[in-house]
Amino acid sequence: MLEKPIDVLSLLTEWQKGKLKNAGIYTIEDLHLKTEENLIESIYNVGPARARIMKNAAYCRIIGISIRIKCNKCVNQDVPYIALTQTLNGG
């Protein structure tokens, strides 16, 4: 799971994936090992909200949360509104 490329993270936009790759983050493991502060410091135009979205995308993929994305048509369209639902498997 951790060795999968960040391209499998459906919560991230192509812009976000490109920014991560430009920062040398290519796999879910690479992203998981970074802190939000690392992302903010090393990636231009990534602040606390985008860093949290990026980290959450990796975390959700790792722990297997079922995810629904609702794009909120706002001024900054590359920051989606995310609704998370957890699927309980076998109680």
C-alpha atoms as a PDB file:
ATOM      1  CA  MET A   1       0.000   0.000   0.000  1.00  0.00           C
ATOM      2  CA  LEU A   2       2.670   2.520   0.996  1.00  0.00           C
ATOM      3  CA  GLU A   3       4.694   1.948  -2.159  1.00  0.00           C
ATOM      4  CA  LYS A   4       1.797   3.009  -4.405  1.00  0.00           C
ATOM      5  CA  PRO A   5       2.256   6.290  -6.292  1.00  0.00           C
ATOM      6  CA  ILE A   6       0.450   9.404  -5.119  1.00  0.00           C
ATOM      7  CA  ASP A   7      -1.456   9.276  -8.418  1.00  0.00           C
ATOM      8  CA  VAL A   8      -3.875   6.795  -6.783  1.00  0.00           C
ATOM      9  CA  LEU A   9      -4.991   9.421  -4.230  1.00  0.00           C
ATOM     10  CA  SER A  10      -8.354  10.465  -5.641  1.00  0.00           C
ATOM     11  CA  LEU A  11      -8.767  13.188  -3.029  1.00  0.00           C
ATOM     12  CA  LEU A  12      -5.954  15.199  -4.551  1.00  0.00           C
ATOM     13  CA  THR A  13      -6.182  17.432  -7.593  1.00  0.00           C
ATOM     14  CA  GLU A  14      -3.678  17.156 -10.422  1.00  0.00           C
ATOM     15  CA  TRP A  15      -2.218  20.478  -9.236  1.00  0.00           C
ATOM     16  CA  GLN A  16      -1.627  19.052  -5.751  1.00  0.00           C
ATOM     17  CA  LYS A  17      -0.093  15.847  -7.135  1.00  0.00           C
ATOM     18  CA  GLY A  18       2.199  17.930  -9.349  1.00  0.00           C
ATOM     19  CA  LYS A  19       3.305  20.063  -6.398  1.00  0.00           C
ATOM     20  CA  LEU A  20       4.073  16.924  -4.369  1.00  0.00           C
ATOM     21  CA  LYS A  21       6.083  15.389  -7.209  1.00  0.00           C
ATOM     22  CA  ASN A  22       8.039  18.623  -7.668  1.00  0.00           C
ATOM     23  CA  ALA A  23       8.920  18.380  -3.961  1.00  0.00           C
ATOM     24  CA  GLY A  24      10.214  14.810  -4.421  1.00  0.00           C
ATOM     25  CA  ILE A  25       7.142  13.098  -2.947  1.00  0.00           C
ATOM     26  CA  TYR A  26       6.192  10.240  -5.271  1.00  0.00           C
ATOM     27  CA  THR A  27       4.638   7.544  -3.099  1.00  0.00           C
ATOM     28  CA  ILE A  28       2.021   7.347  -0.356  1.00  0.00           C
ATOM     29  CA  GLU A  29       4.854   6.457   2.020  1.00  0.00           C
ATOM     30  CA  ASP A  30       6.810   9.586   1.057  1.00  0.00           C
ATOM     31  CA  LEU A  31       3.739  11.714   1.813  1.00  0.00           C
ATOM     32  CA  HIS A  32       2.902   9.821   5.009  1.00  0.00           C
ATOM     33  CA  LEU A  33       6.400  10.420   6.404  1.00  0.00           C
ATOM     34  CA  LYS A  34       6.204  14.196   5.875  1.00  0.00           C
ATOM     35  CA  THR A  35       4.615  16.449   8.456  1.00  0.00           C
ATOM     36  CA  GLU A  36       2.182  19.194   7.540  1.00  0.00           C
ATOM     37  CA  GLU A  37       4.904  21.665   8.511  1.00  0.00           C
ATOM     38  CA  ASN A  38       7.336  19.973   6.077  1.00  0.00           C
ATOM     39  CA  LEU A  39       4.800  20.366   3.269  1.00  0.00           C
ATOM     40  CA  ILE A  40       4.127  24.020   4.102  1.00  0.00           C
ATOM     41  CA  GLU A  41       7.849  24.840   4.209  1.00  0.00           C
ATOM     42  CA  SER A  42       8.856  22.935   1.086  1.00  0.00           C
ATOM     43  CA  ILE A  43       5.967  23.543  -1.338  1.00  0.00           C
ATOM     44  CA  TYR A  44       5.115  27.004  -2.659  1.00  0.00           C
ATOM     45  CA  ASN A  45       1.403  27.880  -2.350  1.00  0.00           C
ATOM     46  CA  VAL A  46       0.721  25.116   0.166  1.00  0.00           C
ATOM     47  CA  GLY A  47      -0.491  26.397   3.505  1.00  0.00           C
ATOM     48  CA  PRO A  48      -2.147  24.695   6.473  1.00  0.00           C
ATOM     49  CA  ALA A  49      -5.413  23.814   4.680  1.00  0.00           C
ATOM     50  CA  ARG A  50      -3.788  22.267   1.603  1.00  0.00           C
ATOM     51  CA  ALA A  51      -1.167  20.483   3.701  1.00  0.00           C
ATOM     52  CA  ARG A  52      -3.936  18.951   5.840  1.00  0.00           C
ATOM     53  CA  ILE A  53      -5.851  17.825   2.722  1.00  0.00           C
ATOM     54  CA  MET A  54      -2.705  16.200   1.327  1.00  0.00           C
ATOM     55  CA  LYS A  55      -1.933  14.401   4.581  1.00  0.00           C
ATOM     56  CA  ASN A  56      -5.565  13.309   5.000  1.00  0.00           C
ATOM     57  CA  ALA A  57      -5.614  11.840   1.491  1.00  0.00           C
ATOM     58  CA  ALA A  58      -2.663   9.583   2.341  1.00  0.00           C
ATOM     59  CA  TYR A  59      -4.044   8.717   5.772  1.00  0.00           C
ATOM     60  CA  CYS A  60      -7.465   7.783   4.384  1.00  0.00           C
ATOM     61  CA  ARG A  61      -5.910   5.544   1.762  1.00  0.00           C
ATOM     62  CA  ILE A  62      -3.749   3.824   4.376  1.00  0.00           C
ATOM     63  CA  ILE A  63      -6.521   3.084   6.861  1.00  0.00           C
ATOM     64  CA  GLY A  64      -9.111   2.284   4.200  1.00  0.00           C
ATOM     65  CA  ILE A  65     -11.750   4.914   4.835  1.00  0.00           C
ATOM     66  CA  SER A  66     -14.466   5.145   2.214  1.00  0.00           C
ATOM     67  CA  ILE A  67     -14.447   8.656   0.809  1.00  0.00           C
ATOM     68  CA  ARG A  68     -16.935  10.912  -0.943  1.00  0.00           C
ATOM     69  CA  ILE A  69     -15.792  14.153  -2.463  1.00  0.00           C
ATOM     70  CA  LYS A  70     -18.112  17.078  -2.996  1.00  0.00           C
ATOM     71  CA  CYS A  71     -16.585  19.940  -4.906  1.00  0.00           C
ATOM     72  CA  ASN A  72     -17.722  23.194  -3.424  1.00  0.00           C
ATOM     73  CA  LYS A  73     -17.895  25.766  -6.222  1.00  0.00           C
ATOM     74  CA  CYS A  74     -15.883  28.437  -4.527  1.00  0.00           C
ATOM     75  CA  VAL A  75     -13.309  30.986  -5.606  1.00  0.00           C
ATOM     76  CA  ASN A  76     -10.448  28.536  -5.160  1.00  0.00           C
ATOM     77  CA  GLN A  77     -11.695  25.406  -6.898  1.00  0.00           C
ATOM     78  CA  ASP A  78      -8.613  23.281  -6.254  1.00  0.00           C
ATOM     79  CA  VAL A  79      -9.535  23.061  -2.555  1.00  0.00           C
ATOM     80  CA  PRO A  80     -12.437  20.589  -2.481  1.00  0.00           C
ATOM     81  CA  TYR A  81     -14.964  20.245   0.307  1.00  0.00           C
ATOM     82  CA  ILE A  82     -14.432  16.727   1.585  1.00  0.00           C
ATOM     83  CA  ALA A  83     -16.991  14.586   3.343  1.00  0.00           C
ATOM     84  CA  LEU A  84     -15.593  11.457   4.944  1.00  0.00           C
ATOM     85  CA  THR A  85     -17.631   8.404   5.803  1.00  0.00           C
ATOM     86  CA  GLN A  86     -16.239   5.359   7.486  1.00  0.00           C
ATOM     87  CA  THR A  87     -17.351   1.929   6.371  1.00  0.00           C
ATOM     88  CA  LEU A  88     -17.528  -0.608   9.186  1.00  0.00           C
ATOM     89  CA  ASN A  89     -16.358  -4.013   8.038  1.00  0.00           C
ATOM     90  CA  GLY A  90     -17.622  -6.925  10.100  1.00  0.00           C
ATOM     91  CA  GLY A  91     -18.452  -4.975  13.263  1.00  0.00           C
END
